[in-house]
N, C-alpha and C. Protein backbone atom coordinates (compact mmCIF):
# COMPACT_ATOMS: atom_id res chain seq x y z
N MET A 1 162.36 104.87 71.68
CA MET A 1 162.05 106.30 70.44
C MET A 1 161.97 105.04 68.95
N CYS A 2 160.83 105.45 68.07
CA CYS A 2 161.35 104.33 67.21
C CYS A 2 162.24 104.50 65.71
N PHE A 3 163.11 104.38 66.29
CA PHE A 3 163.98 103.87 65.37
C PHE A 3 164.96 105.12 65.19
N ALA A 4 164.33 106.33 65.25
CA ALA A 4 165.12 107.45 64.70
C ALA A 4 163.81 108.72 64.91
N PRO A 5 164.52 109.79 65.57
CA PRO A 5 163.62 111.07 65.61
C PRO A 5 162.52 111.39 65.23
N TYR A 6 162.78 111.43 63.60
CA TYR A 6 161.87 111.61 62.95
C TYR A 6 160.82 110.45 62.13
N VAL A 7 160.81 109.15 62.68
CA VAL A 7 160.64 108.12 62.18
C VAL A 7 159.37 108.58 63.84
N SER A 8 159.70 108.63 64.69
CA SER A 8 158.87 109.30 66.02
C SER A 8 157.80 110.81 65.51
N LEU A 9 158.36 111.13 64.94
CA LEU A 9 157.58 112.60 64.38
C LEU A 9 156.50 112.57 63.41
N SER A 10 156.94 111.29 62.21
CA SER A 10 155.79 110.69 61.54
C SER A 10 155.00 110.01 62.02
N THR A 11 155.57 109.39 62.67
CA THR A 11 154.66 108.61 63.44
C THR A 11 153.15 109.27 64.28
N SER A 12 153.53 110.40 64.86
CA SER A 12 153.08 111.18 65.54
C SER A 12 151.86 112.29 64.88
N MET A 13 152.39 112.22 63.68
CA MET A 13 151.58 113.26 62.70
C MET A 13 150.01 111.94 62.73
N ILE A 14 150.84 111.12 62.31
CA ILE A 14 149.44 110.04 61.64
C ILE A 14 148.78 109.34 62.55
N GLU A 15 149.58 109.51 63.72
CA GLU A 15 147.99 109.41 65.16
C GLU A 15 147.40 110.42 65.50
N PHE A 16 148.06 111.86 64.97
CA PHE A 16 147.21 112.69 65.13
C PHE A 16 146.57 113.16 64.21
N LEU A 17 146.29 112.89 62.66
CA LEU A 17 145.18 112.39 62.09
C LEU A 17 144.68 111.71 61.90
N LEU A 18 144.73 110.62 62.38
CA LEU A 18 144.05 109.39 62.71
C LEU A 18 142.94 109.69 63.97
N SER A 19 143.48 109.99 64.75
CA SER A 19 142.27 111.02 65.77
C SER A 19 141.46 111.77 65.35
N ILE A 20 142.06 112.90 64.36
CA ILE A 20 140.87 113.79 63.37
C ILE A 20 139.74 113.05 62.80
N TYR A 21 140.36 111.89 62.60
CA TYR A 21 139.69 111.15 61.48
C TYR A 21 138.38 110.25 62.63
N PHE A 22 139.07 109.88 63.57
CA PHE A 22 138.18 109.06 64.26
C PHE A 22 136.75 109.98 64.68
N LEU A 23 137.49 111.12 65.14
CA LEU A 23 136.49 112.24 66.05
C LEU A 23 135.39 112.55 64.95
N THR A 24 135.90 112.93 63.65
CA THR A 24 134.94 113.69 63.11
C THR A 24 133.87 112.61 61.87
N LYS A 25 134.06 111.11 62.25
CA LYS A 25 133.85 109.75 61.57
C LYS A 25 132.42 109.93 62.26
N ASN A 26 132.50 110.07 63.57
CA ASN A 26 130.94 110.12 64.48
C ASN A 26 131.50 110.70 66.01
N PRO A 27 130.96 112.35 65.74
CA PRO A 27 132.01 113.25 67.09
C PRO A 27 130.97 112.68 68.25
N ARG A 28 129.36 112.29 67.65
CA ARG A 28 128.63 112.12 69.08
C ARG A 28 128.76 110.91 69.72
N ASP A 29 129.17 109.48 68.93
CA ASP A 29 129.32 108.60 69.57
C ASP A 29 130.76 108.31 70.89
N LYS A 30 130.04 107.93 71.98
CA LYS A 30 131.57 107.93 73.09
C LYS A 30 132.20 107.05 72.81
N LEU A 31 132.22 106.02 71.70
CA LEU A 31 133.24 105.10 71.74
C LEU A 31 133.99 105.91 70.29
N ASN A 32 133.75 106.31 69.55
CA ASN A 32 134.30 107.17 68.85
C ASN A 32 135.73 108.48 69.11
N ARG A 33 135.11 109.16 70.19
CA ARG A 33 135.26 110.29 70.92
C ARG A 33 136.91 109.47 72.16
N MET A 34 136.41 108.41 72.09
CA MET A 34 137.42 107.91 73.58
C MET A 34 138.61 107.12 72.37
N ILE A 35 138.05 106.63 71.71
CA ILE A 35 139.09 106.16 70.48
C ILE A 35 139.86 107.35 69.97
N ALA A 36 139.38 108.81 69.19
CA ALA A 36 140.31 109.44 69.31
C ALA A 36 141.49 110.16 70.32
N LEU A 37 140.58 110.45 71.34
CA LEU A 37 141.44 110.72 72.64
C LEU A 37 142.67 109.62 72.80
N ILE A 38 142.93 108.74 73.15
CA ILE A 38 143.42 107.52 72.98
C ILE A 38 144.52 107.94 71.70
N SER A 39 143.90 107.58 70.61
CA SER A 39 145.35 108.55 69.55
C SER A 39 145.89 109.81 70.06
N PHE A 40 145.12 110.62 69.97
CA PHE A 40 145.93 111.24 70.21
C PHE A 40 146.98 111.87 71.30
N LEU A 41 146.45 110.95 72.28
CA LEU A 41 148.06 110.86 73.25
C LEU A 41 149.09 110.08 73.16
N LEU A 42 148.29 108.90 72.30
CA LEU A 42 149.53 108.17 71.51
C LEU A 42 150.38 109.38 70.43
N GLY A 43 149.90 110.21 69.89
CA GLY A 43 150.51 110.87 69.01
C GLY A 43 151.26 112.17 69.36
N LEU A 44 150.79 112.60 70.72
CA LEU A 44 151.18 113.46 71.69
C LEU A 44 152.84 112.61 72.51
N TYR A 45 152.64 111.59 72.87
CA TYR A 45 153.59 110.67 73.62
C TYR A 45 154.74 110.81 72.78
N GLN A 46 154.58 110.27 71.18
CA GLN A 46 155.38 110.24 69.88
C GLN A 46 156.35 111.55 69.65
N LEU A 47 155.49 112.40 70.05
CA LEU A 47 155.84 114.18 69.74
C LEU A 47 157.04 114.28 70.69
N ASN A 48 156.57 114.12 71.98
CA ASN A 48 157.43 114.32 73.12
C ASN A 48 158.98 113.50 72.74
N GLU A 49 158.64 112.30 71.97
CA GLU A 49 159.92 111.77 72.54
C GLU A 49 161.13 112.39 71.16
N PHE A 50 160.35 112.48 69.80
CA PHE A 50 161.09 113.52 69.31
C PHE A 50 161.46 114.82 69.54
N LEU A 51 160.80 115.49 70.47
CA LEU A 51 161.68 116.84 70.95
C LEU A 51 162.40 116.47 72.16
N ILE A 52 162.29 115.37 72.67
CA ILE A 52 163.18 114.98 73.90
C ILE A 52 164.97 114.48 73.03
N CYS A 53 164.89 113.84 72.12
CA CYS A 53 165.94 113.74 70.86
C CYS A 53 166.75 114.96 70.04
N THR A 54 165.60 115.86 69.99
CA THR A 54 166.15 117.13 69.14
C THR A 54 166.46 118.24 69.93
N THR A 55 165.99 118.42 71.26
CA THR A 55 166.20 119.38 71.86
C THR A 55 166.54 118.98 73.73
N ARG A 56 166.56 117.81 73.82
CA ARG A 56 167.17 117.45 75.12
C ARG A 56 166.82 118.69 76.13
N ALA A 57 165.47 119.27 76.74
CA ALA A 57 165.13 119.74 77.52
C ALA A 57 163.87 118.89 78.03
N PRO A 58 164.49 118.82 79.41
CA PRO A 58 163.84 117.36 80.44
C PRO A 58 162.57 117.72 80.43
N ILE A 59 161.72 119.12 79.98
CA ILE A 59 160.14 119.17 79.91
C ILE A 59 159.37 118.30 79.48
N PHE A 60 160.33 118.04 77.94
CA PHE A 60 159.72 116.71 77.19
C PHE A 60 159.79 115.41 77.76
N THR A 61 160.29 115.40 78.79
CA THR A 61 160.54 113.92 79.59
C THR A 61 159.50 113.71 80.30
N ILE A 62 159.17 115.09 81.38
CA ILE A 62 157.80 114.94 82.39
C ILE A 62 156.55 114.88 81.50
N LEU A 63 156.71 115.65 80.33
CA LEU A 63 155.65 115.82 79.41
C LEU A 63 155.06 114.16 79.15
N ALA A 64 156.72 113.32 78.37
CA ALA A 64 156.20 111.99 77.89
C ALA A 64 155.81 111.27 78.79
N MET A 65 155.81 111.62 80.38
CA MET A 65 155.65 110.18 81.29
C MET A 65 154.55 111.06 81.83
N SER A 66 153.74 111.73 81.40
CA SER A 66 152.77 112.45 82.46
C SER A 66 151.52 111.93 81.46
N VAL A 67 151.72 111.44 79.70
CA VAL A 67 150.76 111.17 78.73
C VAL A 67 150.60 109.58 79.17
N THR A 68 151.75 109.20 79.35
CA THR A 68 151.79 107.79 79.95
C THR A 68 150.77 107.31 80.93
N ALA A 69 151.26 108.25 81.97
CA ALA A 69 149.69 107.90 83.27
C ALA A 69 148.45 108.25 82.89
N ILE A 70 148.20 108.54 81.73
CA ILE A 70 146.84 109.14 81.51
C ILE A 70 146.15 107.65 80.82
N LEU A 71 146.93 107.25 79.99
CA LEU A 71 146.77 106.24 79.23
C LEU A 71 145.34 104.97 79.95
N PRO A 72 146.02 104.34 81.29
CA PRO A 72 145.56 103.35 81.59
C PRO A 72 144.28 103.16 82.38
N ALA A 73 143.84 104.86 83.10
CA ALA A 73 142.65 104.93 82.87
C ALA A 73 141.99 104.60 81.82
N LEU A 74 142.79 105.66 80.93
CA LEU A 74 141.61 105.62 79.53
C LEU A 74 141.30 104.42 79.12
N ALA A 75 141.89 103.65 78.97
CA ALA A 75 141.43 101.82 78.52
C ALA A 75 140.31 101.16 79.74
N VAL A 76 140.16 101.86 81.06
CA VAL A 76 139.66 101.55 81.61
C VAL A 76 138.29 102.07 80.67
N SER A 77 138.47 103.22 81.00
CA SER A 77 137.06 103.65 80.39
C SER A 77 136.61 103.30 79.18
N TYR A 78 137.36 103.05 77.98
CA TYR A 78 137.47 102.50 76.50
C TYR A 78 136.51 101.31 77.14
N ALA A 79 136.85 100.14 77.27
CA ALA A 79 135.61 99.03 78.37
C ALA A 79 134.71 99.34 79.08
N LEU A 80 134.90 100.20 79.92
CA LEU A 80 133.29 100.89 80.40
C LEU A 80 132.26 101.34 79.41
N ILE A 81 132.69 101.71 78.32
CA ILE A 81 132.07 102.42 77.05
C ILE A 81 131.49 101.36 76.53
N MET A 82 132.53 100.34 76.50
CA MET A 82 131.84 99.27 75.41
C MET A 82 130.71 98.25 76.58
N TRP A 83 130.86 98.62 77.84
CA TRP A 83 130.37 97.70 78.62
C TRP A 83 128.93 98.60 78.77
N ARG A 84 128.82 99.84 78.36
CA ARG A 84 127.80 100.19 78.45
C ARG A 84 127.57 101.15 80.33
N LYS A 85 128.25 100.64 80.47
CA LYS A 85 128.36 101.25 82.16
C LYS A 85 128.91 102.65 82.77
N LYS A 86 128.01 102.98 83.18
CA LYS A 86 128.18 104.33 83.74
C LYS A 86 128.28 104.68 85.41
N LEU A 87 129.63 105.20 85.77
CA LEU A 87 130.12 105.04 87.02
C LEU A 87 129.63 106.65 88.20
N ASN A 88 129.30 105.99 89.43
CA ASN A 88 129.44 107.34 90.19
C ASN A 88 130.30 108.43 90.03
N PHE A 89 130.46 109.59 90.64
CA PHE A 89 131.42 110.65 90.91
C PHE A 89 132.98 109.87 91.84
N GLY A 90 132.19 109.26 92.61
CA GLY A 90 133.27 108.08 93.34
C GLY A 90 133.96 107.17 92.94
N TRP A 91 133.46 106.33 92.11
CA TRP A 91 134.28 105.77 91.04
C TRP A 91 135.11 106.08 90.08
N ASN A 92 134.84 107.65 89.23
CA ASN A 92 135.72 108.38 88.91
C ASN A 92 136.71 108.51 88.95
N VAL A 93 136.58 108.97 90.42
CA VAL A 93 137.73 110.14 91.22
C VAL A 93 138.69 108.54 91.26
N LEU A 94 138.25 107.88 92.09
CA LEU A 94 138.86 106.21 92.38
C LEU A 94 139.90 105.66 91.05
N ILE A 95 139.29 105.85 89.94
CA ILE A 95 140.21 105.32 88.57
C ILE A 95 140.94 106.97 88.55
N TYR A 96 140.64 107.97 88.37
CA TYR A 96 141.46 108.69 87.91
C TYR A 96 142.25 109.61 89.01
N SER A 97 142.11 109.25 89.63
CA SER A 97 143.30 109.96 90.89
C SER A 97 145.10 109.60 90.51
N PRO A 98 144.51 108.71 89.85
CA PRO A 98 146.42 107.70 90.08
C PRO A 98 146.78 109.05 89.17
N ILE A 99 146.23 109.39 88.28
CA ILE A 99 147.13 110.27 87.24
C ILE A 99 147.19 111.58 87.80
N LEU A 100 146.91 112.11 88.65
CA LEU A 100 147.25 113.21 89.10
C LEU A 100 148.04 112.67 90.25
N PHE A 101 148.13 111.99 90.75
CA PHE A 101 149.38 111.57 91.45
C PHE A 101 150.98 111.41 90.95
N PHE A 102 151.14 110.63 89.43
CA PHE A 102 151.85 110.08 89.25
C PHE A 102 152.57 111.33 88.46
N ILE A 103 151.92 112.18 88.12
CA ILE A 103 152.08 113.53 87.15
C ILE A 103 152.74 114.55 88.02
N LEU A 104 152.38 114.38 89.17
CA LEU A 104 153.15 115.20 90.55
C LEU A 104 154.12 114.86 90.62
N MET A 105 154.48 113.10 90.56
CA MET A 105 155.24 112.66 91.02
C MET A 105 156.82 113.33 89.92
N PHE A 106 156.15 112.75 88.44
CA PHE A 106 157.38 112.79 87.35
C PHE A 106 157.60 114.82 87.76
N SER A 107 156.79 115.34 87.78
CA SER A 107 156.84 116.91 87.81
C SER A 107 157.86 117.23 88.73
N LEU A 108 157.71 116.76 90.15
CA LEU A 108 158.29 117.39 91.29
C LEU A 108 159.61 117.02 91.95
N MET A 109 159.96 115.39 91.30
CA MET A 109 160.87 114.73 91.65
C MET A 109 162.17 114.89 91.34
N LYS A 110 163.33 114.56 91.51
CA LYS A 110 164.25 114.70 91.03
C LYS A 110 164.86 114.23 89.82
N TYR A 111 164.36 112.82 89.82
CA TYR A 111 164.17 111.98 88.61
C TYR A 111 164.29 112.66 87.30
N TYR A 112 163.42 113.64 86.92
CA TYR A 112 163.25 114.23 85.78
C TYR A 112 163.44 115.75 85.79
N HIS A 113 164.57 115.97 86.28
CA HIS A 113 165.20 117.03 86.25
C HIS A 113 166.34 117.45 85.53
N VAL A 114 166.29 116.15 84.48
CA VAL A 114 167.39 115.67 83.51
C VAL A 114 166.24 115.19 82.38
N SER A 115 166.86 115.35 81.42
CA SER A 115 166.53 114.75 80.07
C SER A 115 166.48 113.06 80.13
N ALA A 116 165.63 112.37 79.41
CA ALA A 116 165.70 110.93 79.00
C ALA A 116 167.43 110.94 77.66
N GLN A 117 167.36 110.28 77.49
CA GLN A 117 168.95 109.79 76.54
C GLN A 117 168.13 109.27 75.32
N CYS A 118 168.46 109.75 74.31
CA CYS A 118 167.65 109.38 73.23
C CYS A 118 168.68 108.30 72.65
N MET A 119 168.86 106.59 72.63
CA MET A 119 169.01 105.98 72.07
C MET A 119 169.20 105.33 70.84
N SER A 120 169.85 104.58 70.77
CA SER A 120 169.96 103.98 68.80
C SER A 120 168.39 103.62 68.32
N VAL A 121 167.48 102.96 69.39
CA VAL A 121 166.27 102.47 69.12
C VAL A 121 165.26 102.94 70.35
N PHE A 122 165.85 102.61 71.40
CA PHE A 122 164.50 103.24 72.30
C PHE A 122 165.05 104.47 73.05
N ILE A 123 164.35 104.94 73.74
CA ILE A 123 164.23 106.15 74.87
C ILE A 123 164.67 105.59 76.16
N LEU A 124 165.93 106.09 77.15
CA LEU A 124 166.33 105.78 78.30
C LEU A 124 166.29 107.06 79.29
N TYR A 125 164.87 106.10 79.78
CA TYR A 125 164.64 107.56 80.72
C TYR A 125 164.77 107.20 82.44
N PRO A 126 165.42 108.45 83.40
CA PRO A 126 165.66 108.31 84.01
C PRO A 126 165.31 107.24 85.07
N ASP A 127 166.14 106.48 85.65
CA ASP A 127 165.98 105.77 87.04
C ASP A 127 165.05 106.17 88.36
N THR A 128 163.80 105.73 88.09
CA THR A 128 162.96 106.57 88.86
C THR A 128 162.67 105.72 90.26
N GLU A 129 163.80 104.74 90.38
CA GLU A 129 164.07 103.78 91.79
C GLU A 129 162.11 103.09 91.51
N LEU A 130 162.02 103.53 93.22
CA LEU A 130 160.02 102.82 93.84
C LEU A 130 159.26 103.34 92.96
N ILE A 131 159.77 104.83 92.98
CA ILE A 131 158.20 105.45 92.18
C ILE A 131 158.43 104.90 90.83
N GLY A 132 159.22 104.11 90.01
CA GLY A 132 158.66 103.15 88.51
C GLY A 132 158.31 101.87 89.06
N LYS A 133 158.65 100.98 90.16
CA LYS A 133 157.53 100.19 90.31
C LYS A 133 156.26 100.07 90.62
N PHE A 134 155.89 101.48 91.13
CA PHE A 134 154.52 101.82 91.67
C PHE A 134 153.70 102.30 90.46
N PHE A 135 154.28 103.18 89.25
CA PHE A 135 153.84 103.31 88.10
C PHE A 135 153.83 102.06 86.72
N GLY A 136 154.68 101.21 86.91
CA GLY A 136 154.59 99.67 86.60
C GLY A 136 153.48 98.39 86.50
N SER A 137 153.48 98.76 88.37
CA SER A 137 152.21 97.95 89.22
C SER A 137 150.65 99.26 88.37
N TYR A 138 150.63 100.04 88.89
CA TYR A 138 149.30 100.84 88.39
C TYR A 138 149.25 100.77 86.70
N TYR A 139 150.14 100.28 86.27
CA TYR A 139 149.77 100.38 84.42
C TYR A 139 149.22 99.26 84.33
N PHE A 140 150.21 98.03 85.01
CA PHE A 140 149.51 96.35 84.55
C PHE A 140 148.06 96.17 85.40
N ILE A 141 147.92 96.35 86.41
CA ILE A 141 146.67 96.46 87.19
C ILE A 141 145.72 97.02 85.98
N TYR A 142 145.72 98.13 85.51
CA TYR A 142 144.73 98.56 84.75
C TYR A 142 144.38 98.18 83.40
N ILE A 143 145.59 97.93 83.31
CA ILE A 143 145.35 97.33 82.12
C ILE A 143 144.44 95.73 82.16
N LEU A 144 144.97 95.34 83.13
CA LEU A 144 144.32 93.79 82.96
C LEU A 144 142.83 94.18 83.62
N GLY A 145 143.18 94.92 84.32
CA GLY A 145 141.37 95.02 84.64
C GLY A 145 140.20 96.01 83.55
N SER A 146 141.15 96.63 82.40
CA SER A 146 140.04 96.82 81.18
C SER A 146 139.82 95.82 80.55
N VAL A 147 141.10 94.35 80.71
CA VAL A 147 140.98 93.32 79.77
C VAL A 147 139.38 92.49 80.63
N TYR A 148 139.55 92.43 81.97
CA TYR A 148 138.75 91.67 82.61
C TYR A 148 137.18 92.46 82.42
N LEU A 149 137.12 93.52 82.17
CA LEU A 149 135.57 94.39 81.84
C LEU A 149 135.78 94.32 80.77
N PHE A 150 136.21 94.09 79.57
CA PHE A 150 136.18 93.98 77.92
C PHE A 150 135.03 92.15 77.84
N ASN A 151 135.76 91.27 78.93
CA ASN A 151 135.42 89.95 79.35
C ASN A 151 133.96 90.15 79.58
N LEU A 152 133.77 90.86 80.35
CA LEU A 152 132.48 90.67 81.39
C LEU A 152 131.53 91.39 80.38
N SER A 153 131.71 92.76 79.92
CA SER A 153 131.15 92.84 78.53
C SER A 153 130.36 92.07 77.34
N SER A 154 131.66 91.16 76.94
CA SER A 154 131.40 90.32 76.07
C SER A 154 130.17 89.16 76.44
N SER A 155 130.71 88.61 77.72
CA SER A 155 129.82 87.71 78.13
C SER A 155 128.26 88.08 78.08
N SER A 156 128.11 89.76 78.41
CA SER A 156 126.78 90.38 78.63
C SER A 156 126.69 90.67 77.34
N ALA A 157 126.63 90.84 76.31
CA ALA A 157 126.51 91.06 75.20
C ALA A 157 125.08 90.93 74.76
N LYS A 158 124.41 91.57 74.03
CA LYS A 158 123.01 91.34 73.49
C LYS A 158 122.96 90.57 72.03
N SER A 159 123.99 90.63 71.27
CA SER A 159 124.14 90.08 70.25
C SER A 159 125.83 90.04 69.99
N LYS A 160 126.02 89.18 68.73
CA LYS A 160 126.89 88.51 68.36
C LYS A 160 128.13 89.64 68.12
N PRO A 161 127.62 90.34 67.01
CA PRO A 161 128.25 91.46 66.66
C PRO A 161 129.02 92.38 68.23
N GLU A 162 127.95 92.73 68.87
CA GLU A 162 128.76 93.48 70.23
C GLU A 162 129.24 92.50 70.71
N LYS A 163 129.38 91.08 70.88
CA LYS A 163 130.40 90.22 71.88
C LYS A 163 131.44 90.39 70.65
N ILE A 164 131.68 90.17 69.70
CA ILE A 164 133.09 90.18 68.93
C ILE A 164 133.34 91.54 68.73
N LEU A 165 132.50 92.86 69.17
CA LEU A 165 133.15 94.19 69.35
C LEU A 165 133.89 94.14 70.41
N ASN A 166 133.34 93.46 71.55
CA ASN A 166 134.36 93.73 72.80
C ASN A 166 135.34 93.11 72.57
N GLN A 167 135.51 92.06 72.08
CA GLN A 167 136.83 90.80 71.67
C GLN A 167 137.85 91.67 70.96
N LEU A 168 137.57 92.51 70.15
CA LEU A 168 138.44 93.23 69.65
C LEU A 168 139.10 94.68 70.21
N GLY A 169 138.05 95.04 71.09
CA GLY A 169 138.19 95.99 72.01
C GLY A 169 139.52 95.41 73.05
N MET A 170 139.29 94.36 73.22
CA MET A 170 140.11 93.38 74.16
C MET A 170 141.83 93.25 73.58
N LEU A 171 141.59 92.95 72.35
CA LEU A 171 142.67 92.55 71.43
C LEU A 171 143.65 93.86 71.61
N GLY A 172 142.63 94.76 71.39
CA GLY A 172 143.45 96.24 71.19
C GLY A 172 144.65 96.32 72.86
N MET A 173 144.04 95.49 73.89
CA MET A 173 145.05 95.93 74.83
C MET A 173 145.98 95.23 75.02
N PHE A 174 145.81 93.65 74.50
CA PHE A 174 146.54 92.68 74.33
C PHE A 174 147.62 93.15 73.62
N ILE A 175 147.48 93.58 72.07
CA ILE A 175 148.71 93.98 71.21
C ILE A 175 149.23 95.31 72.38
N PHE A 176 149.00 95.79 73.00
CA PHE A 176 149.55 96.86 73.71
C PHE A 176 150.45 96.61 75.03
N THR A 177 150.07 95.48 75.05
CA THR A 177 150.28 94.97 76.36
C THR A 177 151.77 93.97 76.47
N VAL A 178 151.18 92.89 75.69
CA VAL A 178 151.88 91.90 75.58
C VAL A 178 153.28 91.69 75.39
N PRO A 179 153.20 92.95 74.08
CA PRO A 179 155.25 92.50 74.08
C PRO A 179 155.59 93.18 74.95
N THR A 180 155.24 94.31 75.61
CA THR A 180 155.38 95.31 76.74
C THR A 180 156.46 94.42 77.99
N PHE A 181 155.45 93.08 78.57
CA PHE A 181 155.65 92.08 79.13
C PHE A 181 156.72 91.34 78.74
N ILE A 182 156.72 90.95 77.44
CA ILE A 182 157.92 90.35 76.75
C ILE A 182 159.50 90.91 77.31
N PHE A 183 159.17 92.23 76.74
CA PHE A 183 160.48 93.27 76.77
C PHE A 183 160.80 93.22 78.07
N LEU A 184 160.05 93.31 78.96
CA LEU A 184 160.08 93.95 80.48
C LEU A 184 160.94 92.27 81.10
N ILE A 185 160.03 91.17 81.07
CA ILE A 185 160.21 90.52 82.18
C ILE A 185 161.12 89.56 81.43
N PHE A 186 160.82 88.91 80.31
CA PHE A 186 161.78 87.99 79.26
C PHE A 186 162.78 88.92 78.72
N LEU A 187 163.05 89.56 79.03
CA LEU A 187 164.68 89.99 77.89
C LEU A 187 164.89 91.57 78.89
N PRO A 188 165.09 91.55 79.83
CA PRO A 188 165.13 92.80 81.06
C PRO A 188 167.22 93.13 80.84
N SER A 189 167.71 92.09 79.97
CA SER A 189 169.01 92.48 80.14
C SER A 189 169.08 93.66 78.84
N LEU A 190 168.26 93.59 78.05
CA LEU A 190 167.83 94.73 76.93
C LEU A 190 167.93 96.42 77.54
N LYS A 191 167.64 96.10 79.32
CA LYS A 191 167.34 97.16 79.44
C LYS A 191 166.51 98.09 79.07
N ILE A 192 165.36 97.98 78.25
CA ILE A 192 164.33 98.87 78.31
C ILE A 192 163.45 99.20 78.98
N GLN A 193 162.92 100.39 79.10
CA GLN A 193 161.85 100.90 80.17
C GLN A 193 160.36 100.67 79.19
N PHE A 194 159.39 100.52 80.35
CA PHE A 194 158.40 100.66 79.46
C PHE A 194 157.85 101.63 79.10
N ALA A 195 158.13 102.87 79.23
CA ALA A 195 157.90 103.88 78.17
C ALA A 195 158.12 103.58 76.71
N SER A 196 159.54 103.15 76.59
CA SER A 196 160.36 103.06 75.73
C SER A 196 159.21 102.26 74.66
N VAL A 197 158.65 101.26 75.39
CA VAL A 197 158.19 100.38 74.33
C VAL A 197 156.89 101.11 73.97
N LEU A 198 156.83 101.85 74.26
CA LEU A 198 155.02 102.66 73.99
C LEU A 198 154.96 102.43 72.38
N CYS A 199 156.12 103.38 71.47
CA CYS A 199 155.59 103.72 70.47
C CYS A 199 156.02 102.41 69.49
N GLU A 200 156.62 101.78 70.01
CA GLU A 200 156.56 100.72 69.07
C GLU A 200 155.53 100.03 68.50
N PHE A 201 154.32 99.84 69.29
CA PHE A 201 153.12 98.83 69.46
C PHE A 201 151.81 100.40 69.36
N ALA A 202 152.09 101.44 69.14
CA ALA A 202 150.71 102.67 69.04
C ALA A 202 150.51 102.59 67.84
N LEU A 203 151.42 102.83 66.71
CA LEU A 203 150.96 102.52 65.65
C LEU A 203 150.29 101.13 65.58
N LEU A 204 150.35 100.27 65.99
CA LEU A 204 149.24 98.99 65.67
C LEU A 204 148.02 99.02 66.15
N LEU A 205 148.42 99.90 67.34
CA LEU A 205 146.85 100.03 68.08
C LEU A 205 145.92 100.52 67.37
N ALA A 206 146.68 102.11 66.84
CA ALA A 206 145.83 102.35 66.16
C ALA A 206 145.05 102.30 65.00
N ILE A 207 145.82 101.48 64.13
CA ILE A 207 145.41 100.24 62.93
C ILE A 207 144.31 99.35 63.63
N GLU A 208 144.33 99.07 64.88
CA GLU A 208 142.94 97.88 65.32
C GLU A 208 141.91 99.05 65.60
N PHE A 209 142.35 100.24 66.00
CA PHE A 209 141.18 101.17 66.24
C PHE A 209 140.00 101.11 65.03
N ILE A 210 141.15 101.58 63.53
CA ILE A 210 140.56 101.63 62.28
C ILE A 210 139.35 100.31 61.96
N PHE A 211 140.30 99.09 62.76
CA PHE A 211 139.15 97.91 62.07
C PHE A 211 137.95 98.19 63.01
N VAL A 212 138.30 98.41 64.85
CA VAL A 212 137.16 98.59 65.51
C VAL A 212 135.95 99.05 65.37
N LEU A 213 136.23 100.42 64.80
CA LEU A 213 135.30 101.41 64.52
C LEU A 213 134.48 100.94 63.31
N TRP A 214 135.50 100.49 61.93
CA TRP A 214 135.04 99.36 61.06
C TRP A 214 133.64 98.98 61.38
N TYR A 215 133.91 98.12 61.83
CA TYR A 215 133.05 97.04 62.39
C TYR A 215 132.03 97.36 63.52
N LYS A 216 132.17 98.41 64.52
CA LYS A 216 130.98 99.21 65.08
C LYS A 216 129.86 99.27 63.68
N ASP A 217 130.58 100.64 62.68
CA ASP A 217 129.46 100.99 62.05
C ASP A 217 129.32 100.10 60.92
N LYS A 218 129.28 99.18 60.55
CA LYS A 218 129.12 98.17 59.71
C LYS A 218 127.81 97.34 60.25
N HIS A 219 127.80 96.69 61.56
CA HIS A 219 126.93 96.19 62.53
C HIS A 219 125.90 97.60 62.56
N LYS A 220 126.12 98.52 62.53
CA LYS A 220 125.45 99.86 63.32
C LYS A 220 125.07 99.98 64.68
N ILE A 221 126.18 99.83 65.49
CA ILE A 221 126.73 100.00 66.77
C ILE A 221 127.15 101.20 67.55
N SER A 222 125.84 101.95 68.27
CA SER A 222 126.22 103.21 68.66
C SER A 222 126.38 102.71 70.16
N PHE A 223 127.25 104.01 70.68
CA PHE A 223 127.38 103.74 72.19
C PHE A 223 127.29 105.27 72.43
């Protein structure tokens, strides 16, 4: 949780407004649409954190975790758009199938039949035991995969502006994940879970998105 429930609510409203701005700025551009979708989902996660703290209804814990399950696949799609790669149906099924798996797990397993706990700074989600380890592995594999794709796209870019744009996309993934690694791997005594860290850096990612689209428009790059 971003320090207080109403801070989470305010942050979600900012994310929603930014998603509208990103989309309306150029609704025909694939990159604009993808960035708008990611921003919307980040805002939706923040809203669910606010509702967890103010209602304690388990459904909002399930919804919050379900939103986090969608984001890694979108990070891969974000990188593929910049690389201008279109995948066939089979590859898309492979990339997106973990979303359905984890949403079903979060919806059906007993761990999420109780609400997450609203702590002084972070949300404490129910202990997911083995499924939590699978979820963390899924997250990091996909995010690292998106970084790899950004690197491939940067290497094959036809112009310097496109190369820099790909590097900016890669930077966004680092903004979102490096602090999480620090919290989870190097500061385990704080008992901060992956989902709890998301909102701390979601707004930074949204700001980075603003710069990505500004740079894209400045150099008249379209997708």
